[in-house]
Amino acid sequence: MTNSSKFFCNSACEYFPCHDNNLGEDFNCLFCFCPMYRMEECLGNPTYIKSKSGQMIKDCSACSFPHVPGNYDKIMEYLNDNKVSKG
């Protein structure tokens, strides 16, 4: 895919790929930090781990949803529907 406003692949990043990557050059780095991370419900498949203090922490390390090029519009619609602030 070509880098654009909906897709960006940074294969030169020292952390690339940050997840198991079966997408190769189609791995979308645009949402390097997932905009749904702080949401209790999201479109991905997070798991939860318990910290030493007993706090539950969202673990997105096995989720590739925001890195699939075709999911950009789905994410933007979800954020808009859930009234996530833009600033």
PDB file of N, CA and C in Angstrom:
ATOM      1  N   MET A   1       0.847  -1.190   0.000  1.00  0.00           N
ATOM      2  CA  MET A   1       0.000   0.000   0.000  1.00  0.00           C
ATOM      3  C   MET A   1       0.881   1.238   0.000  1.00  0.00           C
ATOM      4  N   THR A   2       0.361   2.316  -0.526  1.00  0.00           N
ATOM      5  CA  THR A   2       1.089   3.579  -0.564  1.00  0.00           C
ATOM      6  C   THR A   2       0.794   4.377   0.698  1.00  0.00           C
ATOM      7  N   ASN A   3       1.823   4.999   1.277  1.00  0.00           N
ATOM      8  CA  ASN A   3       1.602   5.857   2.442  1.00  0.00           C
ATOM      9  C   ASN A   3       0.627   6.964   2.073  1.00  0.00           C
ATOM     10  N   SER A   4      -0.330   7.223   2.955  1.00  0.00           N
ATOM     11  CA  SER A   4      -1.369   8.222   2.704  1.00  0.00           C
ATOM     12  C   SER A   4      -1.903   8.718   4.040  1.00  0.00           C
ATOM     13  N   SER A   5      -3.009   9.467   4.006  1.00  0.00           N
ATOM     14  CA  SER A   5      -3.601   9.953   5.257  1.00  0.00           C
ATOM     15  C   SER A   5      -4.276   8.836   6.045  1.00  0.00           C
ATOM     16  N   LYS A   6      -4.507   7.676   5.421  1.00  0.00           N
ATOM     17  CA  LYS A   6      -5.142   6.543   6.099  1.00  0.00           C
ATOM     18  C   LYS A   6      -4.188   5.382   6.326  1.00  0.00           C
ATOM     19  N   PHE A   7      -2.986   5.491   5.803  1.00  0.00           N
ATOM     20  CA  PHE A   7      -2.042   4.389   5.903  1.00  0.00           C
ATOM     21  C   PHE A   7      -0.618   4.915   5.930  1.00  0.00           C
ATOM     22  N   PHE A   8       0.173   4.363   6.842  1.00  0.00           N
ATOM     23  CA  PHE A   8       1.596   4.707   6.904  1.00  0.00           C
ATOM     24  C   PHE A   8       2.346   3.502   7.440  1.00  0.00           C
ATOM     25  N   CYS A   9       3.331   3.056   6.718  1.00  0.00           N
ATOM     26  CA  CYS A   9       4.151   1.933   7.167  1.00  0.00           C
ATOM     27  C   CYS A   9       5.563   2.438   7.408  1.00  0.00           C
ATOM     28  N   ASN A  10       6.034   2.277   8.632  1.00  0.00           N
ATOM     29  CA  ASN A  10       7.382   2.698   8.995  1.00  0.00           C
ATOM     30  C   ASN A  10       8.220   1.454   9.294  1.00  0.00           C
ATOM     31  N   SER A  11       8.602   0.753   8.256  1.00  0.00           N
ATOM     32  CA  SER A  11       9.359  -0.477   8.448  1.00  0.00           C
ATOM     33  C   SER A  11      10.778  -0.205   8.955  1.00  0.00           C
ATOM     34  N   ALA A  12      11.216   1.059   8.964  1.00  0.00           N
ATOM     35  CA  ALA A  12      12.531   1.421   9.497  1.00  0.00           C
ATOM     36  C   ALA A  12      12.495   1.648  11.009  1.00  0.00           C
ATOM     37  N   CYS A  13      11.320   1.627  11.613  1.00  0.00           N
ATOM     38  CA  CYS A  13      11.176   1.836  13.064  1.00  0.00           C
ATOM     39  C   CYS A  13      11.895   0.721  13.810  1.00  0.00           C
ATOM     40  N   GLU A  14      12.572   1.074  14.883  1.00  0.00           N
ATOM     41  CA  GLU A  14      13.304   0.067  15.652  1.00  0.00           C
ATOM     42  C   GLU A  14      12.375  -0.967  16.297  1.00  0.00           C
ATOM     43  N   TYR A  15      11.087  -0.660  16.415  1.00  0.00           N
ATOM     44  CA  TYR A  15      10.126  -1.588  17.026  1.00  0.00           C
ATOM     45  C   TYR A  15       9.289  -2.330  15.989  1.00  0.00           C
ATOM     46  N   PHE A  16       9.503  -2.081  14.714  1.00  0.00           N
ATOM     47  CA  PHE A  16       8.712  -2.705  13.650  1.00  0.00           C
ATOM     48  C   PHE A  16       9.086  -4.174  13.505  1.00  0.00           C
ATOM     49  N   PRO A  17       8.114  -5.046  13.421  1.00  0.00           N
ATOM     50  CA  PRO A  17       6.709  -4.809  13.738  1.00  0.00           C
ATOM     51  C   PRO A  17       6.493  -4.936  15.242  1.00  0.00           C
ATOM     52  N   CYS A  18       5.629  -4.122  15.777  1.00  0.00           N
ATOM     53  CA  CYS A  18       5.401  -4.123  17.218  1.00  0.00           C
ATOM     54  C   CYS A  18       4.502  -5.279  17.650  1.00  0.00           C
ATOM     55  N   HIS A  19       3.822  -5.898  16.716  1.00  0.00           N
ATOM     56  CA  HIS A  19       2.962  -7.054  16.973  1.00  0.00           C
ATOM     57  C   HIS A  19       3.378  -8.155  16.014  1.00  0.00           C
ATOM     58  N   ASP A  20       2.880  -9.360  16.246  1.00  0.00           N
ATOM     59  CA  ASP A  20       3.084 -10.400  15.242  1.00  0.00           C
ATOM     60  C   ASP A  20       2.536  -9.849  13.933  1.00  0.00           C
ATOM     61  N   ASN A  21       3.318  -9.951  12.894  1.00  0.00           N
ATOM     62  CA  ASN A  21       2.964  -9.273  11.649  1.00  0.00           C
ATOM     63  C   ASN A  21       2.867 -10.257  10.503  1.00  0.00           C
ATOM     64  N   ASN A  22       1.653 -10.534  10.086  1.00  0.00           N
ATOM     65  CA  ASN A  22       1.475 -11.334   8.887  1.00  0.00           C
ATOM     66  C   ASN A  22       1.043 -10.446   7.725  1.00  0.00           C
ATOM     67  N   LEU A  23       1.101  -9.112   7.934  1.00  0.00           N
ATOM     68  CA  LEU A  23       0.702  -8.160   6.909  1.00  0.00           C
ATOM     69  C   LEU A  23       1.880  -7.656   6.082  1.00  0.00           C
ATOM     70  N   GLY A  24       3.097  -7.899   6.539  1.00  0.00           N
ATOM     71  CA  GLY A  24       4.277  -7.449   5.807  1.00  0.00           C
ATOM     72  C   GLY A  24       4.283  -5.944   5.611  1.00  0.00           C
ATOM     73  N   GLU A  25       4.459  -5.515   4.387  1.00  0.00           N
ATOM     74  CA  GLU A  25       4.498  -4.080   4.071  1.00  0.00           C
ATOM     75  C   GLU A  25       3.124  -3.419   4.169  1.00  0.00           C
ATOM     76  N   ASP A  26       2.077  -4.200   4.374  1.00  0.00           N
ATOM     77  CA  ASP A  26       0.726  -3.650   4.549  1.00  0.00           C
ATOM     78  C   ASP A  26       0.390  -3.442   6.021  1.00  0.00           C
ATOM     79  N   PHE A  27       1.384  -3.534   6.896  1.00  0.00           N
ATOM     80  CA  PHE A  27       1.191  -3.281   8.323  1.00  0.00           C
ATOM     81  C   PHE A  27       1.059  -1.773   8.517  1.00  0.00           C
ATOM     82  N   ASN A  28      -0.096  -1.319   9.002  1.00  0.00           N
ATOM     83  CA  ASN A  28      -0.370   0.110   9.137  1.00  0.00           C
ATOM     84  C   ASN A  28       0.128   0.634  10.485  1.00  0.00           C
ATOM     85  N   CYS A  29       1.109   1.517  10.436  1.00  0.00           N
ATOM     86  CA  CYS A  29       1.692   2.118  11.647  1.00  0.00           C
ATOM     87  C   CYS A  29       1.006   3.427  12.026  1.00  0.00           C
ATOM     88  N   LEU A  30       0.007   3.840  11.259  1.00  0.00           N
ATOM     89  CA  LEU A  30      -0.650   5.130  11.506  1.00  0.00           C
ATOM     90  C   LEU A  30      -1.143   5.229  12.942  1.00  0.00           C
ATOM     91  N   PHE A  31      -1.734   4.186  13.468  1.00  0.00           N
ATOM     92  CA  PHE A  31      -2.203   4.166  14.853  1.00  0.00           C
ATOM     93  C   PHE A  31      -1.161   3.452  15.714  1.00  0.00           C
ATOM     94  N   CYS A  32       0.044   3.983  15.721  1.00  0.00           N
ATOM     95  CA  CYS A  32       1.123   3.388  16.513  1.00  0.00           C
ATOM     96  C   CYS A  32       0.674   3.265  17.973  1.00  0.00           C
ATOM     97  N   PHE A  33       0.034   4.289  18.483  1.00  0.00           N
ATOM     98  CA  PHE A  33      -0.619   4.219  19.789  1.00  0.00           C
ATOM     99  C   PHE A  33      -2.106   4.169  19.494  1.00  0.00           C
ATOM    100  N   CYS A  34      -2.741   3.095  19.841  1.00  0.00           N
ATOM    101  CA  CYS A  34      -4.148   2.885  19.483  1.00  0.00           C
ATOM    102  C   CYS A  34      -5.055   3.937  20.118  1.00  0.00           C
ATOM    103  N   PRO A  35      -5.887   4.612  19.316  1.00  0.00           N
ATOM    104  CA  PRO A  35      -6.795   5.619  19.868  1.00  0.00           C
ATOM    105  C   PRO A  35      -7.914   5.018  20.714  1.00  0.00           C
ATOM    106  N   MET A  36      -8.055   3.700  20.697  1.00  0.00           N
ATOM    107  CA  MET A  36      -9.094   3.049  21.482  1.00  0.00           C
ATOM    108  C   MET A  36      -8.549   2.460  22.777  1.00  0.00           C
ATOM    109  N   TYR A  37      -7.260   2.639  23.039  1.00  0.00           N
ATOM    110  CA  TYR A  37      -6.631   2.012  24.203  1.00  0.00           C
ATOM    111  C   TYR A  37      -7.341   2.354  25.508  1.00  0.00           C
ATOM    112  N   ARG A  38      -7.708   3.603  25.695  1.00  0.00           N
ATOM    113  CA  ARG A  38      -8.311   4.023  26.968  1.00  0.00           C
ATOM    114  C   ARG A  38      -9.800   3.697  27.062  1.00  0.00           C
ATOM    115  N   MET A  39     -10.376   3.181  25.980  1.00  0.00           N
ATOM    116  CA  MET A  39     -11.794   2.837  25.977  1.00  0.00           C
ATOM    117  C   MET A  39     -11.979   1.434  26.550  1.00  0.00           C
ATOM    118  N   GLU A  40     -12.990   1.279  27.406  1.00  0.00           N
ATOM    119  CA  GLU A  40     -13.251  -0.035  27.980  1.00  0.00           C
ATOM    120  C   GLU A  40     -13.644  -1.029  26.893  1.00  0.00           C
ATOM    121  N   GLU A  41     -14.495  -0.599  26.000  1.00  0.00           N
ATOM    122  CA  GLU A  41     -14.909  -1.409  24.855  1.00  0.00           C
ATOM    123  C   GLU A  41     -14.196  -0.865  23.623  1.00  0.00           C
ATOM    124  N   CYS A  42     -13.661  -1.755  22.804  1.00  0.00           N
ATOM    125  CA  CYS A  42     -13.003  -1.311  21.580  1.00  0.00           C
ATOM    126  C   CYS A  42     -13.286  -2.326  20.481  1.00  0.00           C
ATOM    127  N   LEU A  43     -12.775  -2.051  19.304  1.00  0.00           N
ATOM    128  CA  LEU A  43     -13.004  -2.940  18.167  1.00  0.00           C
ATOM    129  C   LEU A  43     -12.004  -4.086  18.090  1.00  0.00           C
ATOM    130  N   GLY A  44     -10.968  -4.014  18.878  1.00  0.00           N
ATOM    131  CA  GLY A  44      -9.919  -5.027  18.848  1.00  0.00           C
ATOM    132  C   GLY A  44     -10.222  -6.200  19.760  1.00  0.00           C
ATOM    133  N   ASN A  45      -9.183  -6.935  20.105  1.00  0.00           N
ATOM    134  CA  ASN A  45      -9.341  -8.116  20.947  1.00  0.00           C
ATOM    135  C   ASN A  45      -8.328  -8.092  22.096  1.00  0.00           C
ATOM    136  N   PRO A  46      -8.436  -7.097  22.976  1.00  0.00           N
ATOM    137  CA  PRO A  46      -7.481  -7.018  24.080  1.00  0.00           C
ATOM    138  C   PRO A  46      -7.730  -8.098  25.130  1.00  0.00           C
ATOM    139  N   THR A  47      -6.706  -8.329  25.905  1.00  0.00           N
ATOM    140  CA  THR A  47      -6.843  -9.156  27.091  1.00  0.00           C
ATOM    141  C   THR A  47      -6.499  -8.255  28.270  1.00  0.00           C
ATOM    142  N   TYR A  48      -6.675  -8.747  29.456  1.00  0.00           N
ATOM    143  CA  TYR A  48      -6.361  -7.950  30.640  1.00  0.00           C
ATOM    144  C   TYR A  48      -5.422  -8.733  31.532  1.00  0.00           C
ATOM    145  N   ILE A  49      -4.440  -8.028  32.048  1.00  0.00           N
ATOM    146  CA  ILE A  49      -3.494  -8.643  32.971  1.00  0.00           C
ATOM    147  C   ILE A  49      -3.556  -7.887  34.296  1.00  0.00           C
ATOM    148  N   LYS A  50      -3.226  -8.580  35.362  1.00  0.00           N
ATOM    149  CA  LYS A  50      -3.269  -7.957  36.677  1.00  0.00           C
ATOM    150  C   LYS A  50      -1.862  -7.501  37.055  1.00  0.00           C
ATOM    151  N   SER A  51      -1.747  -6.223  37.435  1.00  0.00           N
ATOM    152  CA  SER A  51      -0.454  -5.701  37.863  1.00  0.00           C
ATOM    153  C   SER A  51      -0.130  -6.207  39.275  1.00  0.00           C
ATOM    154  N   LYS A  52       1.081  -5.960  39.729  1.00  0.00           N
ATOM    155  CA  LYS A  52       1.474  -6.378  41.071  1.00  0.00           C
ATOM    156  C   LYS A  52       0.598  -5.742  42.140  1.00  0.00           C
ATOM    157  N   SER A  53       0.066  -4.536  41.827  1.00  0.00           N
ATOM    158  CA  SER A  53      -0.792  -3.855  42.794  1.00  0.00           C
ATOM    159  C   SER A  53      -2.246  -4.326  42.712  1.00  0.00           C
ATOM    160  N   GLY A  54      -2.534  -5.225  41.756  1.00  0.00           N
ATOM    161  CA  GLY A  54      -3.890  -5.748  41.617  1.00  0.00           C
ATOM    162  C   GLY A  54      -4.726  -5.016  40.588  1.00  0.00           C
ATOM    163  N   GLN A  55      -4.187  -3.978  39.977  1.00  0.00           N
ATOM    164  CA  GLN A  55      -4.921  -3.207  38.964  1.00  0.00           C
ATOM    165  C   GLN A  55      -4.971  -3.994  37.659  1.00  0.00           C
ATOM    166  N   MET A  56      -6.127  -3.986  36.994  1.00  0.00           N
ATOM    167  CA  MET A  56      -6.262  -4.646  35.704  1.00  0.00           C
ATOM    168  C   MET A  56      -5.758  -3.693  34.616  1.00  0.00           C
ATOM    169  N   ILE A  57      -4.896  -4.202  33.750  1.00  0.00           N
ATOM    170  CA  ILE A  57      -4.282  -3.405  32.697  1.00  0.00           C
ATOM    171  C   ILE A  57      -4.630  -4.020  31.347  1.00  0.00           C
ATOM    172  N   LYS A  58      -5.062  -3.173  30.426  1.00  0.00           N
ATOM    173  CA  LYS A  58      -5.416  -3.625  29.087  1.00  0.00           C
ATOM    174  C   LYS A  58      -4.136  -4.011  28.341  1.00  0.00           C
ATOM    175  N   ASP A  59      -4.125  -5.213  27.801  1.00  0.00           N
ATOM    176  CA  ASP A  59      -2.967  -5.715  27.057  1.00  0.00           C
ATOM    177  C   ASP A  59      -3.365  -5.897  25.598  1.00  0.00           C
ATOM    178  N   CYS A  60      -2.830  -5.058  24.752  1.00  0.00           N
ATOM    179  CA  CYS A  60      -3.182  -5.076  23.330  1.00  0.00           C
ATOM    180  C   CYS A  60      -2.091  -5.709  22.472  1.00  0.00           C
ATOM    181  N   SER A  61      -1.134  -6.373  23.101  1.00  0.00           N
ATOM    182  CA  SER A  61       0.008  -6.892  22.356  1.00  0.00           C
ATOM    183  C   SER A  61      -0.369  -7.942  21.312  1.00  0.00           C
ATOM    184  N   ALA A  62      -1.491  -8.617  21.474  1.00  0.00           N
ATOM    185  CA  ALA A  62      -1.920  -9.619  20.488  1.00  0.00           C
ATOM    186  C   ALA A  62      -2.947  -9.071  19.507  1.00  0.00           C
ATOM    187  N   CYS A  63      -3.252  -7.792  19.600  1.00  0.00           N
ATOM    188  CA  CYS A  63      -4.273  -7.185  18.740  1.00  0.00           C
ATOM    189  C   CYS A  63      -3.630  -6.494  17.548  1.00  0.00           C
ATOM    190  N   SER A  64      -4.107  -6.792  16.366  1.00  0.00           N
ATOM    191  CA  SER A  64      -3.598  -6.128  15.165  1.00  0.00           C
ATOM    192  C   SER A  64      -4.673  -5.300  14.467  1.00  0.00           C
ATOM    193  N   PHE A  65      -5.855  -5.167  15.078  1.00  0.00           N
ATOM    194  CA  PHE A  65      -6.975  -4.472  14.431  1.00  0.00           C
ATOM    195  C   PHE A  65      -6.601  -3.093  13.888  1.00  0.00           C
ATOM    196  N   PRO A  66      -5.967  -2.202  14.673  1.00  0.00           N
ATOM    197  CA  PRO A  66      -5.671  -0.872  14.134  1.00  0.00           C
ATOM    198  C   PRO A  66      -4.552  -0.884  13.090  1.00  0.00           C
ATOM    199  N   HIS A  67      -3.886  -2.003  12.909  1.00  0.00           N
ATOM    200  CA  HIS A  67      -2.789  -2.087  11.954  1.00  0.00           C
ATOM    201  C   HIS A  67      -3.200  -2.680  10.613  1.00  0.00           C
ATOM    202  N   VAL A  68      -4.464  -3.075  10.493  1.00  0.00           N
ATOM    203  CA  VAL A  68      -4.985  -3.585   9.224  1.00  0.00           C
ATOM    204  C   VAL A  68      -5.422  -2.379   8.395  1.00  0.00           C
ATOM    205  N   PRO A  69      -4.852  -2.193   7.194  1.00  0.00           N
ATOM    206  CA  PRO A  69      -5.136  -0.998   6.405  1.00  0.00           C
ATOM    207  C   PRO A  69      -6.619  -0.692   6.206  1.00  0.00           C
ATOM    208  N   GLY A  70      -7.451  -1.691   6.004  1.00  0.00           N
ATOM    209  CA  GLY A  70      -8.867  -1.472   5.746  1.00  0.00           C
ATOM    210  C   GLY A  70      -9.686  -1.066   6.964  1.00  0.00           C
ATOM    211  N   ASN A  71      -9.082  -1.025   8.139  1.00  0.00           N
ATOM    212  CA  ASN A  71      -9.834  -0.706   9.360  1.00  0.00           C
ATOM    213  C   ASN A  71      -9.825   0.770   9.738  1.00  0.00           C
ATOM    214  N   TYR A  72      -9.135   1.613   8.994  1.00  0.00           N
ATOM    215  CA  TYR A  72      -9.069   3.040   9.323  1.00  0.00           C
ATOM    216  C   TYR A  72     -10.473   3.650   9.444  1.00  0.00           C
ATOM    217  N   ASP A  73     -11.301   3.475   8.426  1.00  0.00           N
ATOM    218  CA  ASP A  73     -12.645   4.075   8.446  1.00  0.00           C
ATOM    219  C   ASP A  73     -13.500   3.512   9.581  1.00  0.00           C
ATOM    220  N   LYS A  74     -13.360   2.228   9.880  1.00  0.00           N
ATOM    221  CA  LYS A  74     -14.106   1.620  10.990  1.00  0.00           C
ATOM    222  C   LYS A  74     -13.712   2.262  12.326  1.00  0.00           C
ATOM    223  N   ILE A  75     -12.419   2.476  12.505  1.00  0.00           N
ATOM    224  CA  ILE A  75     -11.933   3.093  13.747  1.00  0.00           C
ATOM    225  C   ILE A  75     -12.435   4.518  13.867  1.00  0.00           C
ATOM    226  N   MET A  76     -12.343   5.286  12.793  1.00  0.00           N
ATOM    227  CA  MET A  76     -12.787   6.684  12.833  1.00  0.00           C
ATOM    228  C   MET A  76     -14.288   6.773  13.113  1.00  0.00           C
ATOM    229  N   GLU A  77     -15.074   5.894  12.508  1.00  0.00           N
ATOM    230  CA  GLU A  77     -16.517   5.873  12.746  1.00  0.00           C
ATOM    231  C   GLU A  77     -16.807   5.498  14.207  1.00  0.00           C
ATOM    232  N   TYR A  78     -16.100   4.513  14.729  1.00  0.00           N
ATOM    233  CA  TYR A  78     -16.277   4.079  16.112  1.00  0.00           C
ATOM    234  C   TYR A  78     -15.947   5.209  17.084  1.00  0.00           C
ATOM    235  N   LEU A  79     -14.852   5.909  16.835  1.00  0.00           N
ATOM    236  CA  LEU A  79     -14.471   7.028  17.699  1.00  0.00           C
ATOM    237  C   LEU A  79     -15.511   8.137  17.641  1.00  0.00           C
ATOM    238  N   ASN A  80     -16.012   8.418  16.460  1.00  0.00           N
ATOM    239  CA  ASN A  80     -17.039   9.444  16.304  1.00  0.00           C
ATOM    240  C   ASN A  80     -18.332   9.029  17.008  1.00  0.00           C
ATOM    241  N   ASP A  81     -18.737   7.787  16.843  1.00  0.00           N
ATOM    242  CA  ASP A  81     -19.961   7.283  17.476  1.00  0.00           C
ATOM    243  C   ASP A  81     -19.867   7.286  19.000  1.00  0.00           C
ATOM    244  N   ASN A  82     -18.654   7.141  19.519  1.00  0.00           N
ATOM    245  CA  ASN A  82     -18.446   7.105  20.968  1.00  0.00           C
ATOM    246  C   ASN A  82     -17.981   8.442  21.518  1.00  0.00           C
ATOM    247  N   LYS A  83     -18.092   9.477  20.704  1.00  0.00           N
ATOM    248  CA  LYS A  83     -17.824  10.862  21.114  1.00  0.00           C
ATOM    249  C   LYS A  83     -16.449  11.049  21.751  1.00  0.00           C
ATOM    250  N   VAL A  84     -15.435  10.449  21.151  1.00  0.00           N
ATOM    251  CA  VAL A  84     -14.073  10.627  21.635  1.00  0.00           C
ATOM    252  C   VAL A  84     -13.602  11.998  21.172  1.00  0.00           C
ATOM    253  N   SER A  85     -13.085  12.783  22.111  1.00  0.00           N
ATOM    254  CA  SER A  85     -12.656  14.137  21.764  1.00  0.00           C
ATOM    255  C   SER A  85     -11.471  14.087  20.815  1.00  0.00           C
ATOM    256  N   LYS A  86     -11.381  15.106  19.976  1.00  0.00           N
ATOM    257  CA  LYS A  86     -10.330  15.179  18.981  1.00  0.00           C
ATOM    258  C   LYS A  86      -9.128  15.968  19.464  1.00  0.00           C
ATOM    259  N   GLY A  87      -9.143  16.427  20.690  1.00  0.00           N
ATOM    260  CA  GLY A  87      -8.012  17.242  21.121  1.00  0.00           C
ATOM    261  C   GLY A  87      -7.593  17.001  22.520  1.00  0.00           C
TER     262      GLY A  87
END
